[in-house]
Amino acid sequence: MTADSDLWLPLAATPPRRWRVSFGSVAAAGRLFRRAYGEMTDLVLPPACPVCRARLGSAGGLCADCWQGVRFLERPWCERLGTPLPIDLGPGILSAAAVADPPAFARARSAVSYEGPVPDLVHAFKYADRTDLAPMLGAWMARAAHELVADADMLVPVPLHWGRLAHRRFNQAALLAQQVGRLTGVPVATRLLLRTRRTPQQVGLGRDERARNMRGAFVVPASKTAALAGRRPILIDDVLTTGATLEAATRALLDAGAAAVDVLTLARVVAPS
């Protein structure tokens, strides 16, 4: 698909020839400044684990103890929901939950289980401005996405309402999508899906309450439906809990003409066996 400057990230416009030397000089100076600033910051505020605050040799990672507490999700899992299964019954196996209540999305995959140090890690990333964690978290997601990206046409981050975006200053799903796109080569569509209303926080709500909360919260603008028609996007978000947010976003994409929708999240809540 041809990149659209209003739709795709990263953007790659070529500056006029007379600007290129100055742009290159500015970029080089910027890199030197960021390196020097980073080294000075590390001297004053040494890098620390975002979960337990233990000293680290470099920023953007976890200490050994917290790393050991991260549970990466592996097969066997439900082919539809991506939830771990206790035994491997062969390819194509669905969990009881997927059979009883099939989701709107085709497949869901998550990098890690939402337990141990992961909740604190997600909180630091979203609410404590630890955007430096995005490359590591995105790499985890890219690893989990290897079977989805073969069929994908685009990555679509779950959008924030403009009011919440103004308060937080960044959309964590968009940062993760950009990292996954950089590692997989799948283009990122950041303006294809919009959040039309500011829904209450989902924390503490049950499954049915979350579903009611998210009903009608997303829309694909009429000007973007042609770019979506017959395509297969991957929805990107940070945490899959009950799936209400991703269900609502998936239905908006399907209603706008998507052929099928897959889901990729950093973490998911895994019910005890």
Protein backbone atom coordinates (compact mmCIF):
# COMPACT_ATOMS: atom_id res chain seq x y z
CA MET A 1 0.00 0.00 0.00
CA THR A 2 1.29 3.46 -0.84
CA ALA A 3 2.16 5.54 2.21
CA ASP A 4 -0.23 8.40 2.91
CA SER A 5 1.20 11.39 4.76
CA ASP A 6 -1.99 11.71 6.76
CA LEU A 7 -2.11 8.03 7.71
CA TRP A 8 1.22 6.32 8.04
CA LEU A 9 4.18 6.54 10.41
CA PRO A 10 7.07 6.88 10.15
CA LEU A 11 6.90 9.69 7.56
CA ALA A 12 9.76 9.95 5.12
CA ALA A 13 9.55 13.25 3.26
CA THR A 14 12.75 14.27 1.44
CA PRO A 15 13.87 17.89 2.09
CA PRO A 16 15.00 20.11 -0.78
CA ARG A 17 18.67 19.68 -1.75
CA ARG A 18 19.69 23.10 -0.39
CA TRP A 19 18.40 22.11 3.07
CA ARG A 20 20.07 18.71 3.33
CA VAL A 21 23.49 19.80 4.61
CA SER A 22 22.02 22.02 7.29
CA PHE A 23 19.49 19.36 8.31
CA GLY A 24 22.31 16.80 8.57
CA SER A 25 24.40 19.19 10.68
CA VAL A 26 21.49 19.89 12.99
CA ALA A 27 20.77 16.18 13.34
CA ALA A 28 24.42 15.41 14.14
CA ALA A 29 24.54 18.21 16.70
CA GLY A 30 21.34 16.91 18.23
CA ARG A 31 22.78 13.41 18.59
CA LEU A 32 25.92 14.78 20.27
CA PHE A 33 23.82 16.88 22.64
CA ARG A 34 21.56 13.95 23.58
CA ARG A 35 24.60 11.72 24.20
CA ALA A 36 26.29 14.33 26.38
CA TYR A 37 23.05 15.06 28.21
CA GLY A 38 22.49 11.36 28.82
CA GLU A 39 25.99 10.89 30.21
CA MET A 40 25.59 13.90 32.52
CA THR A 41 22.20 12.65 33.68
CA ASP A 42 23.61 9.18 34.40
CA LEU A 43 26.28 10.77 36.61
CA VAL A 44 23.75 12.77 38.62
CA LEU A 45 20.89 10.23 38.51
CA PRO A 46 22.32 6.75 37.83
CA PRO A 47 20.00 4.44 35.79
CA ALA A 48 17.63 2.45 37.97
CA CYS A 49 15.27 -0.47 37.47
CA PRO A 50 11.81 1.01 36.78
CA VAL A 51 10.22 -1.60 39.07
CA CYS A 52 12.42 -1.91 42.18
CA ARG A 53 14.80 1.09 41.68
CA ALA A 54 17.93 -1.11 41.88
CA ARG A 55 20.98 0.44 40.22
CA LEU A 56 21.53 -0.51 36.56
CA GLY A 57 24.49 -0.23 34.25
CA SER A 58 22.34 1.42 31.56
CA ALA A 59 18.84 2.83 31.23
CA GLY A 60 15.85 1.20 29.58
CA GLY A 61 16.01 -2.25 31.17
CA LEU A 62 15.27 -4.33 34.26
CA CYS A 63 17.45 -5.64 37.05
CA ALA A 64 18.23 -9.36 37.13
CA ASP A 65 15.72 -10.12 39.89
CA CYS A 66 12.83 -8.34 38.16
CA TRP A 67 13.76 -9.88 34.81
CA GLN A 68 13.45 -13.34 36.32
CA GLY A 69 9.93 -12.46 37.49
CA VAL A 70 8.68 -11.69 33.96
CA ARG A 71 6.62 -14.57 32.56
CA PHE A 72 6.89 -14.65 28.77
CA LEU A 73 3.94 -16.36 27.12
CA GLU A 74 4.75 -19.38 24.98
CA ARG A 75 2.90 -22.19 23.27
CA PRO A 76 0.73 -24.11 23.90
CA TRP A 77 -2.00 -21.50 23.82
CA CYS A 78 -5.52 -21.03 22.51
CA GLU A 79 -5.17 -20.18 18.82
CA ARG A 80 -7.96 -17.59 19.07
CA LEU A 81 -7.44 -15.90 22.43
CA GLY A 82 -3.74 -16.56 22.94
CA THR A 83 -4.33 -17.72 26.52
CA PRO A 84 -1.86 -20.36 27.78
CA LEU A 85 -3.06 -23.98 27.88
CA PRO A 86 -1.84 -26.54 30.43
CA ILE A 87 -0.98 -29.20 27.82
CA ASP A 88 -0.24 -29.23 24.09
CA LEU A 89 -3.10 -30.88 22.19
CA GLY A 90 -1.77 -30.00 18.77
CA PRO A 91 -2.23 -27.09 16.34
CA GLY A 92 -5.49 -25.21 16.07
CA ILE A 93 -6.72 -25.94 19.58
CA LEU A 94 -9.28 -23.50 21.01
CA SER A 95 -9.96 -22.88 24.68
CA ALA A 96 -13.41 -23.38 26.18
CA ALA A 97 -13.77 -19.59 26.47
CA ALA A 98 -13.07 -19.08 22.76
CA VAL A 99 -15.65 -21.70 21.79
CA ALA A 100 -18.34 -20.46 24.19
CA ASP A 101 -17.91 -16.73 23.46
CA PRO A 102 -15.86 -16.14 20.28
CA PRO A 103 -14.31 -12.68 20.10
CA ALA A 104 -14.72 -10.31 17.17
CA PHE A 105 -10.97 -10.39 16.48
CA ALA A 106 -9.39 -13.33 14.69
CA ARG A 107 -6.34 -13.91 16.91
CA ALA A 108 -4.86 -12.33 20.02
CA ARG A 109 -1.24 -12.58 21.10
CA SER A 110 0.52 -11.06 24.12
CA ALA A 111 4.17 -10.94 25.03
CA VAL A 112 3.98 -11.45 28.80
CA SER A 113 1.59 -12.31 31.59
CA TYR A 114 0.29 -9.40 33.67
CA GLU A 115 1.85 -10.55 36.93
CA GLY A 116 5.03 -10.24 38.97
CA PRO A 117 6.88 -7.03 38.07
CA VAL A 118 4.86 -6.43 34.87
CA PRO A 119 2.04 -4.31 36.42
CA ASP A 120 4.63 -1.97 37.96
CA LEU A 121 6.50 -1.87 34.67
CA VAL A 122 3.34 -0.93 32.74
CA HIS A 123 2.50 1.71 35.35
CA ALA A 124 5.98 3.25 35.07
CA PHE A 125 5.69 3.32 31.28
CA LYS A 126 2.21 4.87 31.17
CA TYR A 127 2.07 7.14 34.19
CA ALA A 128 5.66 7.91 35.22
CA ASP A 129 6.91 9.10 31.81
CA ARG A 130 9.23 6.11 31.36
CA THR A 131 8.91 6.28 27.59
CA ASP A 132 12.54 5.12 27.42
CA LEU A 133 11.12 1.64 28.09
CA ALA A 134 9.28 1.57 24.75
CA PRO A 135 12.14 -0.07 22.75
CA MET A 136 12.43 -2.97 25.20
CA LEU A 137 8.67 -3.48 25.51
CA GLY A 138 8.19 -3.17 21.76
CA ALA A 139 10.86 -5.81 21.18
CA TRP A 140 8.98 -8.19 23.47
CA MET A 141 5.82 -7.57 21.46
CA ALA A 142 7.54 -8.00 18.09
CA ARG A 143 8.75 -11.41 19.24
CA ALA A 144 5.19 -12.43 20.16
CA ALA A 145 3.83 -11.07 16.85
CA HIS A 146 5.89 -13.16 14.46
CA GLU A 147 2.94 -15.26 13.24
CA LEU A 148 0.60 -12.26 12.97
CA VAL A 149 2.81 -9.94 10.94
CA ALA A 150 2.96 -12.36 8.00
CA ASP A 151 -0.74 -11.62 7.33
CA ALA A 152 -0.80 -7.98 8.44
CA ASP A 153 -1.22 -4.89 6.28
CA MET A 154 -0.87 -2.31 9.06
CA LEU A 155 -0.54 -1.75 12.80
CA VAL A 156 -3.33 0.29 14.39
CA PRO A 157 -2.71 1.54 17.95
CA VAL A 158 -5.79 1.82 20.15
CA PRO A 159 -6.32 5.60 20.35
CA LEU A 160 -6.78 7.76 23.41
CA HIS A 161 -9.49 10.39 23.59
CA TRP A 162 -7.98 13.80 22.84
CA GLY A 163 -8.64 15.00 26.38
CA ARG A 164 -6.74 12.11 27.94
CA LEU A 165 -3.98 12.43 25.35
CA ALA A 166 -3.55 16.11 26.24
CA HIS A 167 -3.25 15.17 29.92
CA ARG A 168 -0.83 12.25 29.42
CA ARG A 169 1.04 13.87 26.49
CA PHE A 170 1.57 10.56 24.67
CA ASN A 171 -0.37 7.47 23.66
CA GLN A 172 1.40 4.41 25.03
CA ALA A 173 -0.18 2.15 22.39
CA ALA A 174 1.17 4.38 19.62
CA LEU A 175 4.70 4.28 21.08
CA LEU A 176 4.54 0.48 21.24
CA ALA A 177 3.15 0.27 17.69
CA GLN A 178 6.01 2.41 16.37
CA GLN A 179 8.55 0.07 17.97
CA VAL A 180 6.84 -3.05 16.61
CA GLY A 181 6.61 -1.43 13.18
CA ARG A 182 10.30 -0.53 13.25
CA LEU A 183 11.26 -4.13 14.04
CA THR A 184 8.81 -5.91 11.72
CA GLY A 185 8.53 -3.51 8.80
CA VAL A 186 4.71 -3.33 9.06
CA PRO A 187 3.49 0.28 8.58
CA VAL A 188 1.72 2.06 11.44
CA ALA A 189 -1.62 3.80 10.86
CA THR A 190 -2.16 6.29 13.67
CA ARG A 191 -5.15 8.26 12.35
CA LEU A 192 -7.26 5.44 10.99
CA LEU A 193 -9.14 4.73 14.24
CA LEU A 194 -10.51 7.51 16.45
CA ARG A 195 -11.89 7.51 19.99
CA THR A 196 -15.11 9.48 19.86
CA ARG A 197 -15.80 9.86 23.56
CA ARG A 198 -13.84 9.87 26.79
CA THR A 199 -14.83 6.69 28.60
CA PRO A 200 -14.42 6.29 32.38
CA GLN A 201 -11.38 4.37 33.61
CA GLN A 202 -11.80 0.60 33.20
CA VAL A 203 -9.92 -0.26 36.39
CA GLY A 204 -12.20 -1.99 38.89
CA LEU A 205 -15.01 -2.67 36.41
CA GLY A 206 -16.35 -6.14 35.65
CA ARG A 207 -16.55 -7.68 32.19
CA ASP A 208 -20.12 -6.53 31.43
CA GLU A 209 -19.47 -3.04 32.82
CA ARG A 210 -16.36 -2.71 30.67
CA ALA A 211 -18.29 -3.78 27.56
CA ARG A 212 -21.04 -1.19 28.22
CA ASN A 213 -18.40 1.42 28.96
CA MET A 214 -16.71 0.91 25.56
CA ARG A 215 -19.79 0.53 23.35
CA GLY A 216 -19.59 2.97 20.46
CA ALA A 217 -16.35 4.51 21.70
CA PHE A 218 -14.43 4.07 18.42
CA VAL A 219 -15.01 5.06 14.81
CA VAL A 220 -13.15 4.97 11.50
CA PRO A 221 -13.54 8.30 9.67
CA ALA A 222 -15.29 8.01 6.30
CA SER A 223 -12.17 9.41 4.62
CA LYS A 224 -10.11 6.42 5.86
CA THR A 225 -12.40 3.52 4.90
CA ALA A 226 -10.82 3.11 1.46
CA ALA A 227 -7.41 2.53 3.09
CA LEU A 228 -8.96 -0.15 5.33
CA ALA A 229 -11.22 -1.99 2.87
CA GLY A 230 -10.22 -5.64 2.55
CA ARG A 231 -7.13 -5.13 4.70
CA ARG A 232 -6.00 -7.01 7.79
CA PRO A 233 -4.82 -4.69 10.59
CA ILE A 234 -3.25 -5.63 13.91
CA LEU A 235 -4.66 -3.68 16.84
CA ILE A 236 -1.96 -2.66 19.32
CA ASP A 237 -2.56 -1.99 23.04
CA ASP A 238 -0.68 -2.30 26.31
CA VAL A 239 -2.79 -4.71 28.39
CA LEU A 240 -5.58 -7.18 27.56
CA THR A 241 -7.83 -7.69 30.59
CA THR A 242 -11.40 -8.66 29.64
CA GLY A 243 -10.93 -7.63 26.02
CA ALA A 244 -13.78 -5.07 26.06
CA THR A 245 -11.68 -2.23 24.65
CA LEU A 246 -10.19 -4.39 21.91
CA GLU A 247 -13.61 -5.86 21.07
CA ALA A 248 -15.08 -2.39 20.57
CA ALA A 249 -12.11 -1.25 18.49
CA THR A 250 -12.19 -4.44 16.42
CA ARG A 251 -15.88 -4.02 15.62
CA ALA A 252 -15.28 -0.45 14.47
CA LEU A 253 -12.57 -1.68 12.07
CA LEU A 254 -14.71 -4.54 10.78
CA ASP A 255 -17.71 -2.27 10.29
CA ALA A 256 -15.48 0.03 8.22
CA GLY A 257 -14.46 -2.79 5.87
CA ALA A 258 -11.48 -4.61 7.38
CA ALA A 259 -11.27 -8.23 6.23
CA ALA A 260 -10.15 -9.44 9.66
CA VAL A 261 -8.47 -7.98 12.74
CA ASP A 262 -5.74 -9.48 14.91
CA VAL A 263 -4.71 -8.16 18.34
CA LEU A 264 -1.28 -7.70 19.86
CA THR A 265 -0.69 -6.49 23.41
CA LEU A 266 2.32 -6.15 25.65
CA ALA A 267 0.64 -8.06 28.50
CA ARG A 268 -2.53 -9.94 29.28
CA VAL A 269 -4.26 -11.01 32.44
CA VAL A 270 -4.01 -14.79 32.72
CA ALA A 271 -6.59 -16.48 34.94
CA PRO A 272 -5.17 -19.01 37.43
CA SER A 273 -5.23 -22.59 36.15
